Amino acid sequence: MNENKHTPQKIQKNFNLFVLKRILKILREKGSQKITNLAMYCGLNYASCKRYLFLMAYLDWIEIANEEGKTKIILTESGKGLEEKLTFLTI
């Protein structure tokens, strides 16, 4: 991902907890995902999904890994804990 384009300061202006919860829930339920599939499952366009993912990786809630030449998004232990804490949000 282009880190210069997606700074935490730019992303935080449009940060939505409900979207965050959806991303975490999908990763918990379906396991690691490619960005395109994750965006589709969450109802986001690719660019918006990447912005959220960059911020989430910056906060160590997810890991962006390269598996077999493909970018995969993996939920970290702190991301799992956060997803559990956000159960009060109804989607």
N, C-alpha and C. Protein backbone atom coordinates (compact mmCIF):
# COMPACT_ATOMS: atom_id res chain seq x y z
N MET A 1 0.85 -1.20 0.00
CA MET A 1 0.00 0.00 0.00
C MET A 1 0.88 1.24 0.00
N ASN A 2 0.39 2.28 -0.58
CA ASN A 2 1.14 3.53 -0.63
C ASN A 2 0.92 4.28 0.68
N GLU A 3 1.90 4.20 1.57
CA GLU A 3 1.75 4.77 2.91
C GLU A 3 1.73 6.29 2.91
N ASN A 4 2.36 6.93 1.91
CA ASN A 4 2.36 8.39 1.86
C ASN A 4 0.97 8.94 1.59
N LYS A 5 0.20 8.22 0.82
CA LYS A 5 -1.14 8.66 0.45
C LYS A 5 -2.14 8.50 1.60
N HIS A 6 -1.97 7.46 2.39
CA HIS A 6 -2.92 7.14 3.45
C HIS A 6 -2.31 7.41 4.81
N THR A 7 -2.25 8.66 5.21
CA THR A 7 -1.72 8.99 6.52
C THR A 7 -2.83 8.87 7.56
N PRO A 8 -2.49 8.53 8.80
CA PRO A 8 -3.52 8.43 9.84
C PRO A 8 -4.31 9.73 10.00
N GLN A 9 -3.68 10.87 9.77
CA GLN A 9 -4.38 12.15 9.91
C GLN A 9 -5.47 12.30 8.85
N LYS A 10 -5.22 11.85 7.63
CA LYS A 10 -6.23 11.93 6.57
C LYS A 10 -7.36 10.94 6.81
N ILE A 11 -7.01 9.76 7.28
CA ILE A 11 -8.01 8.71 7.45
C ILE A 11 -8.96 9.01 8.61
N GLN A 12 -8.48 9.57 9.68
CA GLN A 12 -9.31 9.76 10.87
C GLN A 12 -10.48 10.71 10.63
N LYS A 13 -10.44 11.51 9.59
CA LYS A 13 -11.53 12.44 9.32
C LYS A 13 -12.82 11.70 8.98
N ASN A 14 -12.72 10.51 8.42
CA ASN A 14 -13.90 9.76 8.00
C ASN A 14 -13.96 8.38 8.63
N PHE A 15 -13.48 8.26 9.82
CA PHE A 15 -13.41 6.97 10.50
C PHE A 15 -14.75 6.65 11.16
N ASN A 16 -15.35 5.52 10.82
CA ASN A 16 -16.67 5.13 11.31
C ASN A 16 -16.55 3.81 12.07
N LEU A 17 -16.98 3.80 13.33
CA LEU A 17 -16.88 2.60 14.15
C LEU A 17 -17.71 1.44 13.61
N PHE A 18 -18.82 1.73 12.96
CA PHE A 18 -19.65 0.66 12.41
C PHE A 18 -18.93 -0.05 11.27
N VAL A 19 -18.20 0.70 10.46
CA VAL A 19 -17.42 0.10 9.37
C VAL A 19 -16.29 -0.72 9.97
N LEU A 20 -15.62 -0.19 10.96
CA LEU A 20 -14.56 -0.92 11.64
C LEU A 20 -15.09 -2.23 12.19
N LYS A 21 -16.22 -2.19 12.84
CA LYS A 21 -16.83 -3.39 13.40
C LYS A 21 -17.13 -4.42 12.31
N ARG A 22 -17.65 -3.96 11.16
CA ARG A 22 -17.94 -4.87 10.04
C ARG A 22 -16.67 -5.55 9.55
N ILE A 23 -15.60 -4.79 9.38
CA ILE A 23 -14.34 -5.35 8.90
C ILE A 23 -13.81 -6.40 9.89
N LEU A 24 -13.80 -6.06 11.17
CA LEU A 24 -13.31 -6.99 12.19
C LEU A 24 -14.17 -8.25 12.25
N LYS A 25 -15.48 -8.08 12.15
CA LYS A 25 -16.38 -9.23 12.21
C LYS A 25 -16.16 -10.17 11.03
N ILE A 26 -16.02 -9.62 9.83
CA ILE A 26 -15.78 -10.44 8.64
C ILE A 26 -14.47 -11.21 8.79
N LEU A 27 -13.42 -10.54 9.25
CA LEU A 27 -12.13 -11.21 9.42
C LEU A 27 -12.20 -12.30 10.48
N ARG A 28 -12.96 -12.06 11.54
CA ARG A 28 -13.10 -13.09 12.57
C ARG A 28 -13.89 -14.30 12.04
N GLU A 29 -14.97 -14.03 11.30
CA GLU A 29 -15.83 -15.11 10.82
C GLU A 29 -15.23 -15.88 9.64
N LYS A 30 -14.58 -15.17 8.72
CA LYS A 30 -14.12 -15.80 7.48
C LYS A 30 -12.62 -16.05 7.43
N GLY A 31 -11.88 -15.53 8.40
CA GLY A 31 -10.43 -15.70 8.39
C GLY A 31 -9.77 -14.69 7.47
N SER A 32 -8.50 -14.92 7.15
CA SER A 32 -7.76 -13.96 6.33
C SER A 32 -8.42 -13.80 4.96
N GLN A 33 -8.36 -12.57 4.45
CA GLN A 33 -9.04 -12.24 3.20
C GLN A 33 -8.16 -11.36 2.33
N LYS A 34 -8.38 -11.43 1.01
CA LYS A 34 -7.78 -10.46 0.11
C LYS A 34 -8.56 -9.16 0.25
N ILE A 35 -7.92 -8.05 -0.08
CA ILE A 35 -8.57 -6.74 0.09
C ILE A 35 -9.85 -6.66 -0.73
N THR A 36 -9.83 -7.14 -1.96
CA THR A 36 -11.01 -7.07 -2.83
C THR A 36 -12.19 -7.82 -2.22
N ASN A 37 -11.94 -9.03 -1.73
CA ASN A 37 -13.02 -9.81 -1.13
C ASN A 37 -13.53 -9.17 0.15
N LEU A 38 -12.62 -8.67 0.95
CA LEU A 38 -13.01 -8.01 2.20
C LEU A 38 -13.87 -6.78 1.92
N ALA A 39 -13.47 -5.99 0.94
CA ALA A 39 -14.26 -4.81 0.55
C ALA A 39 -15.66 -5.22 0.13
N MET A 40 -15.76 -6.27 -0.66
CA MET A 40 -17.06 -6.75 -1.13
C MET A 40 -17.93 -7.21 0.04
N TYR A 41 -17.37 -8.01 0.94
CA TYR A 41 -18.13 -8.51 2.09
C TYR A 41 -18.60 -7.37 3.00
N CYS A 42 -17.81 -6.31 3.09
CA CYS A 42 -18.12 -5.19 3.98
C CYS A 42 -18.97 -4.11 3.32
N GLY A 43 -19.18 -4.22 2.02
CA GLY A 43 -19.97 -3.21 1.32
C GLY A 43 -19.22 -1.91 1.12
N LEU A 44 -17.90 -1.99 0.95
CA LEU A 44 -17.07 -0.82 0.74
C LEU A 44 -16.45 -0.87 -0.65
N ASN A 45 -16.11 0.30 -1.19
CA ASN A 45 -15.32 0.26 -2.41
C ASN A 45 -13.87 -0.03 -2.01
N TYR A 46 -13.08 -0.42 -3.00
CA TYR A 46 -11.71 -0.86 -2.75
C TYR A 46 -10.88 0.23 -2.07
N ALA A 47 -10.97 1.47 -2.56
CA ALA A 47 -10.17 2.57 -2.01
C ALA A 47 -10.52 2.86 -0.56
N SER A 48 -11.80 2.86 -0.24
CA SER A 48 -12.23 3.10 1.15
C SER A 48 -11.75 1.98 2.06
N CYS A 49 -11.86 0.77 1.58
CA CYS A 49 -11.43 -0.38 2.37
C CYS A 49 -9.93 -0.27 2.67
N LYS A 50 -9.13 0.09 1.67
CA LYS A 50 -7.69 0.24 1.87
C LYS A 50 -7.37 1.30 2.91
N ARG A 51 -8.13 2.41 2.92
CA ARG A 51 -7.88 3.46 3.91
C ARG A 51 -8.12 2.93 5.32
N TYR A 52 -9.22 2.22 5.51
CA TYR A 52 -9.49 1.63 6.83
C TYR A 52 -8.41 0.62 7.21
N LEU A 53 -8.02 -0.20 6.26
CA LEU A 53 -7.04 -1.24 6.55
C LEU A 53 -5.68 -0.64 6.91
N PHE A 54 -5.29 0.44 6.25
CA PHE A 54 -4.02 1.07 6.58
C PHE A 54 -4.05 1.58 8.03
N LEU A 55 -5.14 2.23 8.41
CA LEU A 55 -5.25 2.73 9.78
C LEU A 55 -5.27 1.57 10.78
N MET A 56 -6.01 0.53 10.46
CA MET A 56 -6.10 -0.62 11.36
C MET A 56 -4.74 -1.31 11.51
N ALA A 57 -3.96 -1.38 10.43
CA ALA A 57 -2.62 -1.95 10.51
C ALA A 57 -1.71 -1.05 11.33
N TYR A 58 -1.85 0.26 11.16
CA TYR A 58 -1.07 1.23 11.93
C TYR A 58 -1.33 1.06 13.43
N LEU A 59 -2.57 0.73 13.79
CA LEU A 59 -2.95 0.53 15.19
C LEU A 59 -2.75 -0.91 15.66
N ASP A 60 -2.18 -1.76 14.81
CA ASP A 60 -1.89 -3.17 15.11
C ASP A 60 -3.13 -4.01 15.36
N TRP A 61 -4.24 -3.67 14.71
CA TRP A 61 -5.46 -4.47 14.82
C TRP A 61 -5.51 -5.55 13.76
N ILE A 62 -4.79 -5.33 12.66
CA ILE A 62 -4.69 -6.31 11.59
C ILE A 62 -3.24 -6.38 11.15
N GLU A 63 -2.94 -7.42 10.39
CA GLU A 63 -1.63 -7.56 9.77
C GLU A 63 -1.85 -7.68 8.27
N ILE A 64 -1.06 -6.97 7.51
CA ILE A 64 -1.13 -7.06 6.05
C ILE A 64 0.03 -7.94 5.63
N ALA A 65 -0.28 -9.15 5.14
CA ALA A 65 0.74 -10.14 4.82
C ALA A 65 0.72 -10.47 3.34
N ASN A 66 1.82 -10.97 2.85
CA ASN A 66 1.93 -11.39 1.47
C ASN A 66 2.02 -12.91 1.46
N GLU A 67 0.94 -13.56 1.01
CA GLU A 67 0.90 -15.03 0.95
C GLU A 67 0.78 -15.45 -0.50
N GLU A 68 1.75 -16.21 -0.97
CA GLU A 68 1.74 -16.73 -2.34
C GLU A 68 1.59 -15.61 -3.37
N GLY A 69 2.24 -14.48 -3.12
CA GLY A 69 2.19 -13.36 -4.06
C GLY A 69 0.92 -12.53 -3.99
N LYS A 70 0.05 -12.81 -3.03
CA LYS A 70 -1.20 -12.07 -2.88
C LYS A 70 -1.25 -11.42 -1.50
N THR A 71 -1.79 -10.22 -1.44
CA THR A 71 -1.92 -9.51 -0.18
C THR A 71 -3.11 -10.07 0.59
N LYS A 72 -2.86 -10.47 1.82
CA LYS A 72 -3.91 -11.00 2.69
C LYS A 72 -4.00 -10.15 3.95
N ILE A 73 -5.20 -9.97 4.45
CA ILE A 73 -5.45 -9.23 5.67
C ILE A 73 -5.75 -10.24 6.77
N ILE A 74 -5.01 -10.15 7.87
CA ILE A 74 -5.13 -11.11 8.97
C ILE A 74 -5.44 -10.35 10.26
N LEU A 75 -6.42 -10.82 10.99
CA LEU A 75 -6.81 -10.22 12.26
C LEU A 75 -5.79 -10.59 13.33
N THR A 76 -5.29 -9.59 14.06
CA THR A 76 -4.33 -9.84 15.14
C THR A 76 -5.08 -10.12 16.44
N GLU A 77 -4.35 -10.50 17.46
CA GLU A 77 -4.97 -10.75 18.77
C GLU A 77 -5.60 -9.48 19.33
N SER A 78 -4.94 -8.34 19.16
CA SER A 78 -5.53 -7.09 19.65
C SER A 78 -6.78 -6.73 18.84
N GLY A 79 -6.80 -7.07 17.56
CA GLY A 79 -7.99 -6.86 16.74
C GLY A 79 -9.15 -7.73 17.19
N LYS A 80 -8.85 -8.98 17.56
CA LYS A 80 -9.88 -9.88 18.07
C LYS A 80 -10.46 -9.32 19.37
N GLY A 81 -9.58 -8.81 20.24
CA GLY A 81 -10.05 -8.23 21.50
C GLY A 81 -10.92 -7.01 21.26
N LEU A 82 -10.53 -6.19 20.31
CA LEU A 82 -11.32 -5.00 19.99
C LEU A 82 -12.68 -5.39 19.43
N GLU A 83 -12.71 -6.40 18.58
CA GLU A 83 -13.98 -6.84 17.99
C GLU A 83 -14.93 -7.30 19.09
N GLU A 84 -14.41 -7.98 20.09
CA GLU A 84 -15.23 -8.42 21.21
C GLU A 84 -15.76 -7.23 22.01
N LYS A 85 -14.92 -6.21 22.17
CA LYS A 85 -15.33 -5.02 22.93
C LYS A 85 -16.38 -4.19 22.20
N LEU A 86 -16.43 -4.30 20.89
CA LEU A 86 -17.37 -3.51 20.09
C LEU A 86 -18.72 -4.22 19.90
N THR A 87 -18.97 -5.26 20.67
CA THR A 87 -20.23 -5.97 20.52
C THR A 87 -21.44 -5.12 20.87
N PHE A 88 -21.22 -4.04 21.60
CA PHE A 88 -22.34 -3.16 21.95
C PHE A 88 -22.87 -2.40 20.74
N LEU A 89 -22.09 -2.32 19.67
CA LEU A 89 -22.54 -1.63 18.46
C LEU A 89 -23.44 -2.58 17.67
N THR A 90 -24.60 -2.15 17.32
CA THR A 90 -25.49 -2.97 16.51
C THR A 90 -25.39 -2.54 15.06
N ILE A 91 -25.19 -3.52 14.21
CA ILE A 91 -25.05 -3.25 12.78
C ILE A 91 -26.34 -3.57 12.09
